[in-house]
Every structure is written in C-alpha cells, then in structure tokens.
Amino acid sequence: MKNQGNGACTRTLIALIIMGASTARGFGEPENPPEAWSHHYAKKISFKLSQKLATQTSAILFEQAQTQPFNQLIFSWNALPEPQGHLFFSVQPRLAKTQEWSTRWYPMFVWGNTQNRSFQTQEPGDPMQYQFVHLDGVDQQYADGFRIKVEAIDGAHLENIRFVHACTCDFAKFQNEIARKIYKKLPSLSLKGVPAYSQFEIEDPENKSMCSPTSTCMLTSFLLKRLLDPHAFALNSIE
C-alpha cells in the first residue's frame, strides 16, 4: 500500500467507505426485495472524497457487511485513465457459514498505464475462488459481506476513481426473466445489410479477445454506411 510516484512521501492511511444500501432493480420490480436473486451496490466518489484521496491515502477500502447471502460477486468501476503506475484491486469475502471475514484477500485486477490484467485464484479446500471477473463460492459456500481494496502502485492516482459497483448473486434463487406484457406487443426487428466480420479472421495474435470490438465494428459500419477495418477498430477501442 505504498505510493512512491514523483518522490512523494509514502502514505499508508486507508480510507474506509461503507458502500451503502442496495440500489438493485429486480426482474420486473421497481426495487428488489431481500429474496431477490441479485443485488447491486454502488458508491459514487464525491469531489470532497476525491480531494482527500489525492493527498492522504495510498489505498481505499469499500465495505458492505450483512448482505443477503451470495455465491457470486462481480465488481466493476469507472475511472479516468492512469497517467502512470497502476491500481491493484482485491476482494475479501465474509463467509456466511462462520460470519467471519476470510483470512485471504483475492487479487482481482491490475489496471493502469503499463499493466492491465485479471487473476484466477483457486486453492484446494478454499471456500471461495476468483475466476478472472467474478468471485465464486465453492461447493455451495456462501458469503454475506465483502470488502474491496484498491491500492495505488508506482504513482497511480486513487482520485481518478469516479464510481464503484458490486453485484452479488445467489444462483439458487435464479429464475428466467418474465417478459412484461408490453414487450410481447413489440414487433421483432431485423437489420439487413450488416457486414459480417469474424474476430478469428483478424490477423492479430490477440484476435481471440476481440469479440466485442469486432461486433461493434459491424454495427458501426452499418450505421455509417461504409466498411470499417475491424483490426484498426479493435486497436483503437477501449473496453
């Protein structure tokens, strides 16, 4: 939890932020009841807090305790690009069986100017595992709270974070969405003339990860009424 960029003094204070009440929307309901299968938590970083992060902290901790039990958590964030260094994200679940915080912090992401990657963490006998973009319970293990820690490494700036989100899910409660009657009255829509591109035909060793920019390039080409180069489109896209 050290920030040593630009010769600045090392800062070790952690700002603790309670994420607050769920802001989820259930399937077809204005607000999700406790028995809903998924819940969404969000925190906006205020200007005042952003100024504090710029001068007083090298790490920030988001905590949400006593949630509805969940067996999957997906975390995301909105932030300005890092001019230097990188942010390191990790998660600590509270185990529902013991109602105690796990002794492990699971690495999730490294995001910044020179490094961008996610992690896979799976150890024998561990009640939780992290799979690149989500934390999962193993063998029906549940959590009932979580902490997200963000550390600024090599001069990265925590104040660039604008919003953080966490979605928790209990797949034992999952049910398919029931379409509202208004949706059933809408006619189907088919777009003709959309160019057909395949990400695997792009001459790039990373083409297997270019699904999103390739499909976006197809629709953008259709809207602009001119064919765009999917490779150039992918290289100039930020996901």
C-alpha atoms as a PDB file:
ATOM      1  CA  MET A   1       0.000   0.000   0.000  1.00  0.00           C
ATOM      2  CA  LYS A   2       2.767   2.413  -0.921  1.00  0.00           C
ATOM      3  CA  ASN A   3       2.597   5.314  -3.271  1.00  0.00           C
ATOM      4  CA  GLN A   4       6.078   6.390  -4.276  1.00  0.00           C
ATOM      5  CA  GLY A   5       5.430   8.216  -7.519  1.00  0.00           C
ATOM      6  CA  ASN A   6       7.162  11.537  -8.178  1.00  0.00           C
ATOM      7  CA  GLY A   7       9.188  11.200  -4.984  1.00  0.00           C
ATOM      8  CA  ALA A   8       6.117  11.738  -2.826  1.00  0.00           C
ATOM      9  CA  CYS A   9       6.127  10.617   0.789  1.00  0.00           C
ATOM     10  CA  THR A  10       4.806   7.131   1.434  1.00  0.00           C
ATOM     11  CA  ARG A  11       1.158   7.221   2.522  1.00  0.00           C
ATOM     12  CA  THR A  12      -0.314   4.277   4.390  1.00  0.00           C
ATOM     13  CA  LEU A  13      -3.673   5.581   5.586  1.00  0.00           C
ATOM     14  CA  ILE A  14      -6.610   3.554   4.297  1.00  0.00           C
ATOM     15  CA  ALA A  15      -9.893   5.359   3.730  1.00  0.00           C
ATOM     16  CA  LEU A  16     -12.802   3.114   4.732  1.00  0.00           C
ATOM     17  CA  ILE A  17     -16.051   3.660   2.876  1.00  0.00           C
ATOM     18  CA  ILE A  18     -19.313   1.877   3.604  1.00  0.00           C
ATOM     19  CA  MET A  19     -20.922   1.248   0.234  1.00  0.00           C
ATOM     20  CA  GLY A  20     -24.462   1.805   1.474  1.00  0.00           C
ATOM     21  CA  ALA A  21     -27.836   0.314   0.714  1.00  0.00           C
ATOM     22  CA  SER A  22     -28.574  -1.801  -2.292  1.00  0.00           C
ATOM     23  CA  THR A  23     -29.683   0.084  -5.382  1.00  0.00           C
ATOM     24  CA  ALA A  24     -30.652  -3.032  -7.303  1.00  0.00           C
ATOM     25  CA  ARG A  25     -33.631  -3.446  -9.549  1.00  0.00           C
ATOM     26  CA  GLY A  26     -35.221  -6.874  -9.624  1.00  0.00           C
ATOM     27  CA  PHE A  27     -36.777  -8.590 -12.630  1.00  0.00           C
ATOM     28  CA  GLY A  28     -39.897  -6.653 -13.425  1.00  0.00           C
ATOM     29  CA  GLU A  29     -39.967  -4.977  -9.995  1.00  0.00           C
ATOM     30  CA  PRO A  30     -39.203  -1.310  -9.150  1.00  0.00           C
ATOM     31  CA  GLU A  31     -36.895  -2.351  -6.296  1.00  0.00           C
ATOM     32  CA  ASN A  32     -35.557  -5.759  -5.411  1.00  0.00           C
ATOM     33  CA  PRO A  33     -36.887  -7.424  -2.261  1.00  0.00           C
ATOM     34  CA  PRO A  34     -34.500  -9.285   0.080  1.00  0.00           C
ATOM     35  CA  GLU A  35     -35.457 -12.582  -1.532  1.00  0.00           C
ATOM     36  CA  ALA A  36     -34.322 -11.408  -4.992  1.00  0.00           C
ATOM     37  CA  TRP A  37     -31.544 -13.427  -6.597  1.00  0.00           C
ATOM     38  CA  SER A  38     -29.241 -10.454  -7.288  1.00  0.00           C
ATOM     39  CA  HIS A  39     -28.370  -7.173  -5.592  1.00  0.00           C
ATOM     40  CA  HIS A  40     -26.443  -4.160  -6.844  1.00  0.00           C
ATOM     41  CA  TYR A  41     -24.308  -1.923  -4.619  1.00  0.00           C
ATOM     42  CA  ALA A  42     -22.767   1.322  -5.820  1.00  0.00           C
ATOM     43  CA  LYS A  43     -20.706   4.188  -4.476  1.00  0.00           C
ATOM     44  CA  LYS A  44     -20.031   7.498  -6.177  1.00  0.00           C
ATOM     45  CA  ILE A  45     -16.760   9.167  -5.263  1.00  0.00           C
ATOM     46  CA  SER A  46     -17.612  12.747  -4.301  1.00  0.00           C
ATOM     47  CA  PHE A  47     -15.362  15.686  -5.114  1.00  0.00           C
ATOM     48  CA  LYS A  48     -14.562  16.097  -1.417  1.00  0.00           C
ATOM     49  CA  LEU A  49     -13.535  12.467  -1.075  1.00  0.00           C
ATOM     50  CA  SER A  50     -11.578  12.669  -4.308  1.00  0.00           C
ATOM     51  CA  GLN A  51      -9.530  15.531  -2.902  1.00  0.00           C
ATOM     52  CA  LYS A  52      -8.852  13.506   0.239  1.00  0.00           C
ATOM     53  CA  LEU A  53      -7.702  10.536  -1.807  1.00  0.00           C
ATOM     54  CA  ALA A  54      -5.308  12.789  -3.677  1.00  0.00           C
ATOM     55  CA  THR A  55      -3.475  13.895  -0.542  1.00  0.00           C
ATOM     56  CA  GLN A  56      -3.988  11.479   2.322  1.00  0.00           C
ATOM     57  CA  THR A  57      -4.323   7.869   1.173  1.00  0.00           C
ATOM     58  CA  SER A  58      -2.485   5.174  -0.726  1.00  0.00           C
ATOM     59  CA  ALA A  59      -5.371   2.695  -0.543  1.00  0.00           C
ATOM     60  CA  ILE A  60      -9.135   2.799  -0.264  1.00  0.00           C
ATOM     61  CA  LEU A  61     -11.387   0.142   1.263  1.00  0.00           C
ATOM     62  CA  PHE A  62     -15.040  -0.310   0.333  1.00  0.00           C
ATOM     63  CA  GLU A  63     -17.040  -2.446   2.740  1.00  0.00           C
ATOM     64  CA  GLN A  64     -20.534  -3.912   2.645  1.00  0.00           C
ATOM     65  CA  ALA A  65     -21.365  -6.235   5.528  1.00  0.00           C
ATOM     66  CA  GLN A  66     -24.541  -8.195   6.292  1.00  0.00           C
ATOM     67  CA  THR A  67     -25.683  -8.586   2.719  1.00  0.00           C
ATOM     68  CA  GLN A  68     -28.083 -11.215   1.521  1.00  0.00           C
ATOM     69  CA  PRO A  69     -26.113 -14.484   1.137  1.00  0.00           C
ATOM     70  CA  PHE A  70     -24.471 -14.781  -2.273  1.00  0.00           C
ATOM     71  CA  ASN A  71     -22.318 -17.255  -4.157  1.00  0.00           C
ATOM     72  CA  GLN A  72     -21.013 -14.893  -6.823  1.00  0.00           C
ATOM     73  CA  LEU A  73     -19.763 -11.307  -6.793  1.00  0.00           C
ATOM     74  CA  ILE A  74     -18.885  -9.175  -9.816  1.00  0.00           C
ATOM     75  CA  PHE A  75     -17.061  -5.881  -9.266  1.00  0.00           C
ATOM     76  CA  SER A  76     -16.614  -3.000 -11.707  1.00  0.00           C
ATOM     77  CA  TRP A  77     -15.509   0.609 -11.601  1.00  0.00           C
ATOM     78  CA  ASN A  78     -15.422   3.876 -13.549  1.00  0.00           C
ATOM     79  CA  ALA A  79     -12.191   5.849 -13.543  1.00  0.00           C
ATOM     80  CA  LEU A  80     -10.088   8.234 -15.570  1.00  0.00           C
ATOM     81  CA  PRO A  81      -7.063   6.655 -17.307  1.00  0.00           C
ATOM     82  CA  GLU A  82      -3.951   6.388 -15.163  1.00  0.00           C
ATOM     83  CA  PRO A  83      -1.053   8.540 -16.460  1.00  0.00           C
ATOM     84  CA  GLN A  84       1.446   6.437 -14.520  1.00  0.00           C
ATOM     85  CA  GLY A  85       1.585   3.378 -12.298  1.00  0.00           C
ATOM     86  CA  HIS A  86      -1.420   1.147 -11.764  1.00  0.00           C
ATOM     87  CA  LEU A  87      -4.279   0.340  -9.395  1.00  0.00           C
ATOM     88  CA  PHE A  88      -4.441  -3.048  -7.713  1.00  0.00           C
ATOM     89  CA  PHE A  89      -7.927  -4.372  -6.820  1.00  0.00           C
ATOM     90  CA  SER A  90      -8.585  -7.213  -4.366  1.00  0.00           C
ATOM     91  CA  VAL A  91     -11.641  -8.625  -2.584  1.00  0.00           C
ATOM     92  CA  GLN A  92     -12.206 -10.135   0.856  1.00  0.00           C
ATOM     93  CA  PRO A  93     -15.490 -12.014   1.426  1.00  0.00           C
ATOM     94  CA  ARG A  94     -17.254 -12.515   4.744  1.00  0.00           C
ATOM     95  CA  LEU A  95     -18.040 -16.219   4.987  1.00  0.00           C
ATOM     96  CA  ALA A  96     -21.714 -16.818   5.732  1.00  0.00           C
ATOM     97  CA  LYS A  97     -21.075 -20.139   7.481  1.00  0.00           C
ATOM     98  CA  THR A  98     -18.821 -18.600  10.151  1.00  0.00           C
ATOM     99  CA  GLN A  99     -19.934 -14.957   9.775  1.00  0.00           C
ATOM    100  CA  GLU A 100     -16.256 -14.032   9.860  1.00  0.00           C
ATOM    101  CA  TRP A 101     -14.104 -12.275   7.317  1.00  0.00           C
ATOM    102  CA  SER A 102     -11.948 -14.564   5.229  1.00  0.00           C
ATOM    103  CA  THR A 103      -8.263 -14.550   6.098  1.00  0.00           C
ATOM    104  CA  ARG A 104      -7.496 -14.199   2.393  1.00  0.00           C
ATOM    105  CA  TRP A 105      -7.620 -11.274   0.032  1.00  0.00           C
ATOM    106  CA  TYR A 106      -8.276 -12.475  -3.515  1.00  0.00           C
ATOM    107  CA  PRO A 107      -6.491 -10.462  -6.229  1.00  0.00           C
ATOM    108  CA  MET A 108      -8.908  -9.292  -8.920  1.00  0.00           C
ATOM    109  CA  PHE A 109      -7.369  -6.743 -11.294  1.00  0.00           C
ATOM    110  CA  VAL A 110      -4.299  -4.723 -12.104  1.00  0.00           C
ATOM    111  CA  TRP A 111      -5.296  -1.673 -14.141  1.00  0.00           C
ATOM    112  CA  GLY A 112      -3.167   1.234 -15.217  1.00  0.00           C
ATOM    113  CA  ASN A 113      -0.720   2.792 -17.627  1.00  0.00           C
ATOM    114  CA  THR A 114       1.580  -0.184 -18.152  1.00  0.00           C
ATOM    115  CA  GLN A 115      -0.316  -3.179 -16.738  1.00  0.00           C
ATOM    116  CA  ASN A 116      -3.826  -4.480 -17.327  1.00  0.00           C
ATOM    117  CA  ARG A 117      -4.807  -7.983 -16.269  1.00  0.00           C
ATOM    118  CA  SER A 118      -7.206 -10.042 -14.177  1.00  0.00           C
ATOM    119  CA  PHE A 119      -6.470 -13.018 -11.937  1.00  0.00           C
ATOM    120  CA  GLN A 120      -7.543 -16.591 -11.372  1.00  0.00           C
ATOM    121  CA  THR A 121      -7.150 -17.836  -7.805  1.00  0.00           C
ATOM    122  CA  GLN A 122      -8.215 -21.330  -6.831  1.00  0.00           C
ATOM    123  CA  GLU A 123      -6.664 -23.277  -3.950  1.00  0.00           C
ATOM    124  CA  PRO A 124      -7.632 -26.789  -2.702  1.00  0.00           C
ATOM    125  CA  GLY A 125     -10.054 -26.598   0.218  1.00  0.00           C
ATOM    126  CA  ASP A 126     -10.657 -22.877  -0.218  1.00  0.00           C
ATOM    127  CA  PRO A 127     -14.369 -21.962   0.214  1.00  0.00           C
ATOM    128  CA  MET A 128     -14.055 -19.211  -2.397  1.00  0.00           C
ATOM    129  CA  GLN A 129     -12.265 -18.790  -5.713  1.00  0.00           C
ATOM    130  CA  TYR A 130     -11.694 -15.885  -8.073  1.00  0.00           C
ATOM    131  CA  GLN A 131     -12.204 -16.509 -11.786  1.00  0.00           C
ATOM    132  CA  PHE A 132     -10.900 -13.539 -13.800  1.00  0.00           C
ATOM    133  CA  VAL A 133     -14.005 -11.340 -13.425  1.00  0.00           C
ATOM    134  CA  HIS A 134     -16.023 -12.833 -10.553  1.00  0.00           C
ATOM    135  CA  LEU A 135     -15.680 -14.272  -7.058  1.00  0.00           C
ATOM    136  CA  ASP A 136     -17.438 -17.635  -6.660  1.00  0.00           C
ATOM    137  CA  GLY A 137     -18.411 -19.845  -3.749  1.00  0.00           C
ATOM    138  CA  VAL A 138     -17.063 -23.400  -3.983  1.00  0.00           C
ATOM    139  CA  ASP A 139     -19.335 -26.383  -3.253  1.00  0.00           C
ATOM    140  CA  GLN A 140     -22.353 -24.308  -2.229  1.00  0.00           C
ATOM    141  CA  GLN A 141     -20.325 -21.979   0.003  1.00  0.00           C
ATOM    142  CA  TYR A 142     -21.860 -18.553   0.540  1.00  0.00           C
ATOM    143  CA  ALA A 143     -20.666 -15.126   1.622  1.00  0.00           C
ATOM    144  CA  ASP A 144     -22.743 -12.462   3.365  1.00  0.00           C
ATOM    145  CA  GLY A 145     -20.479  -9.439   3.006  1.00  0.00           C
ATOM    146  CA  PHE A 146     -17.494  -8.160   1.087  1.00  0.00           C
ATOM    147  CA  ARG A 147     -14.626  -5.706   1.186  1.00  0.00           C
ATOM    148  CA  ILE A 148     -12.977  -4.245  -1.909  1.00  0.00           C
ATOM    149  CA  LYS A 149      -9.477  -2.814  -1.536  1.00  0.00           C
ATOM    150  CA  VAL A 150      -7.898  -0.553  -4.143  1.00  0.00           C
ATOM    151  CA  GLU A 151      -4.191   0.232  -3.820  1.00  0.00           C
ATOM    152  CA  ALA A 152      -2.250   2.874  -5.740  1.00  0.00           C
ATOM    153  CA  ILE A 153       1.061   1.493  -7.007  1.00  0.00           C
ATOM    154  CA  ASP A 154       4.026   3.370  -8.547  1.00  0.00           C
ATOM    155  CA  GLY A 155       2.418   6.789  -8.587  1.00  0.00           C
ATOM    156  CA  ALA A 156      -1.123   5.869  -9.613  1.00  0.00           C
ATOM    157  CA  HIS A 157      -3.935   8.187  -8.516  1.00  0.00           C
ATOM    158  CA  LEU A 158      -6.859   6.958  -6.425  1.00  0.00           C
ATOM    159  CA  GLU A 159      -8.622  10.254  -7.033  1.00  0.00           C
ATOM    160  CA  ASN A 160      -9.180   9.172 -10.647  1.00  0.00           C
ATOM    161  CA  ILE A 161     -11.791   6.671  -9.458  1.00  0.00           C
ATOM    162  CA  ARG A 162     -15.290   8.042 -10.025  1.00  0.00           C
ATOM    163  CA  PHE A 163     -17.693   5.171  -9.284  1.00  0.00           C
ATOM    164  CA  VAL A 164     -17.522   1.603  -7.970  1.00  0.00           C
ATOM    165  CA  HIS A 165     -20.128  -1.128  -8.355  1.00  0.00           C
ATOM    166  CA  ALA A 166     -20.615  -4.611  -6.952  1.00  0.00           C
ATOM    167  CA  CYS A 167     -23.282  -7.103  -7.962  1.00  0.00           C
ATOM    168  CA  THR A 168     -23.963 -10.105  -5.732  1.00  0.00           C
ATOM    169  CA  CYS A 169     -25.920 -13.143  -6.915  1.00  0.00           C
ATOM    170  CA  ASP A 170     -27.480 -16.243  -5.389  1.00  0.00           C
ATOM    171  CA  PHE A 171     -27.871 -18.665  -8.269  1.00  0.00           C
ATOM    172  CA  ALA A 172     -30.028 -20.998  -6.195  1.00  0.00           C
ATOM    173  CA  LYS A 173     -32.735 -18.305  -6.470  1.00  0.00           C
ATOM    174  CA  PHE A 174     -32.190 -17.572 -10.159  1.00  0.00           C
ATOM    175  CA  GLN A 175     -35.245 -17.552 -12.388  1.00  0.00           C
ATOM    176  CA  ASN A 176     -35.576 -16.596 -16.021  1.00  0.00           C
ATOM    177  CA  GLU A 177     -36.867 -13.108 -16.612  1.00  0.00           C
ATOM    178  CA  ILE A 178     -40.559 -12.973 -17.375  1.00  0.00           C
ATOM    179  CA  ALA A 179     -41.200 -10.551 -20.214  1.00  0.00           C
ATOM    180  CA  ARG A 180     -43.694  -7.848 -19.439  1.00  0.00           C
ATOM    181  CA  LYS A 181     -46.868  -7.719 -21.497  1.00  0.00           C
ATOM    182  CA  ILE A 182     -45.727  -4.510 -23.187  1.00  0.00           C
ATOM    183  CA  TYR A 183     -42.673  -6.295 -24.560  1.00  0.00           C
ATOM    184  CA  LYS A 184     -44.823  -9.033 -26.065  1.00  0.00           C
ATOM    185  CA  LYS A 185     -46.651  -6.417 -28.140  1.00  0.00           C
ATOM    186  CA  LEU A 186     -43.480  -5.070 -29.735  1.00  0.00           C
ATOM    187  CA  PRO A 187     -42.631  -6.414 -33.205  1.00  0.00           C
ATOM    188  CA  SER A 188     -39.360  -8.189 -33.870  1.00  0.00           C
ATOM    189  CA  LEU A 189     -36.641  -6.161 -35.568  1.00  0.00           C
ATOM    190  CA  SER A 190     -34.134  -7.433 -38.100  1.00  0.00           C
ATOM    191  CA  LEU A 191     -31.304  -5.307 -39.523  1.00  0.00           C
ATOM    192  CA  LYS A 192     -30.398  -6.199 -43.087  1.00  0.00           C
ATOM    193  CA  GLY A 193     -27.097  -5.291 -44.662  1.00  0.00           C
ATOM    194  CA  VAL A 194     -24.932  -5.519 -41.530  1.00  0.00           C
ATOM    195  CA  PRO A 195     -21.436  -6.572 -42.683  1.00  0.00           C
ATOM    196  CA  ALA A 196     -20.313  -9.975 -41.450  1.00  0.00           C
ATOM    197  CA  TYR A 197     -16.913  -9.968 -39.722  1.00  0.00           C
ATOM    198  CA  SER A 198     -15.205 -12.734 -37.768  1.00  0.00           C
ATOM    199  CA  GLN A 199     -12.765 -11.926 -34.996  1.00  0.00           C
ATOM    200  CA  PHE A 200     -10.755 -15.033 -35.872  1.00  0.00           C
ATOM    201  CA  GLU A 201     -10.098 -13.719 -39.399  1.00  0.00           C
ATOM    202  CA  ILE A 202      -8.349 -10.660 -37.991  1.00  0.00           C
ATOM    203  CA  GLU A 203      -4.596 -11.044 -38.420  1.00  0.00           C
ATOM    204  CA  ASP A 204      -3.613 -10.434 -34.840  1.00  0.00           C
ATOM    205  CA  PRO A 205      -2.336 -12.878 -32.185  1.00  0.00           C
ATOM    206  CA  GLU A 206      -4.914 -11.452 -29.752  1.00  0.00           C
ATOM    207  CA  ASN A 207      -7.905 -11.934 -32.070  1.00  0.00           C
ATOM    208  CA  LYS A 208      -9.487 -14.403 -29.645  1.00  0.00           C
ATOM    209  CA  SER A 209     -10.186 -11.478 -27.283  1.00  0.00           C
ATOM    210  CA  MET A 210     -11.565  -9.134 -29.973  1.00  0.00           C
ATOM    211  CA  CYS A 211     -15.188 -10.297 -29.915  1.00  0.00           C
ATOM    212  CA  SER A 212     -16.646  -7.065 -28.558  1.00  0.00           C
ATOM    213  CA  PRO A 213     -14.818  -4.593 -30.850  1.00  0.00           C
ATOM    214  CA  THR A 214     -15.485  -6.819 -33.873  1.00  0.00           C
ATOM    215  CA  SER A 215     -19.243  -6.905 -33.318  1.00  0.00           C
ATOM    216  CA  THR A 216     -19.266  -3.182 -32.505  1.00  0.00           C
ATOM    217  CA  CYS A 217     -17.359  -2.527 -35.728  1.00  0.00           C
ATOM    218  CA  MET A 218     -20.041  -4.417 -37.680  1.00  0.00           C
ATOM    219  CA  LEU A 219     -22.857  -2.250 -36.312  1.00  0.00           C
ATOM    220  CA  THR A 220     -20.826   0.975 -36.611  1.00  0.00           C
ATOM    221  CA  SER A 221     -20.084   0.163 -40.271  1.00  0.00           C
ATOM    222  CA  PHE A 222     -23.799  -0.356 -40.842  1.00  0.00           C
ATOM    223  CA  LEU A 223     -24.742   2.952 -39.199  1.00  0.00           C
ATOM    224  CA  LEU A 224     -22.041   4.922 -41.052  1.00  0.00           C
ATOM    225  CA  LYS A 225     -22.861   3.163 -44.335  1.00  0.00           C
ATOM    226  CA  ARG A 226     -19.187   2.429 -45.007  1.00  0.00           C
ATOM    227  CA  LEU A 227     -16.978  -0.529 -44.221  1.00  0.00           C
ATOM    228  CA  LEU A 228     -14.539  -0.052 -41.357  1.00  0.00           C
ATOM    229  CA  ASP A 229     -11.400  -2.099 -40.775  1.00  0.00           C
ATOM    230  CA  PRO A 230     -12.189  -4.371 -37.786  1.00  0.00           C
ATOM    231  CA  HIS A 231      -8.489  -4.674 -36.870  1.00  0.00           C
ATOM    232  CA  ALA A 232      -7.931  -0.917 -36.765  1.00  0.00           C
ATOM    233  CA  PHE A 233     -11.251  -0.528 -34.938  1.00  0.00           C
ATOM    234  CA  ALA A 234     -10.170  -3.037 -32.270  1.00  0.00           C
ATOM    235  CA  LEU A 235      -6.760  -1.452 -31.781  1.00  0.00           C
ATOM    236  CA  ASN A 236      -8.365   1.947 -31.209  1.00  0.00           C
ATOM    237  CA  SER A 237     -11.099   0.705 -28.874  1.00  0.00           C
ATOM    238  CA  ILE A 238     -11.106   0.958 -25.090  1.00  0.00           C
ATOM    239  CA  GLU A 239     -13.252  -1.594 -23.290  1.00  0.00           C
END
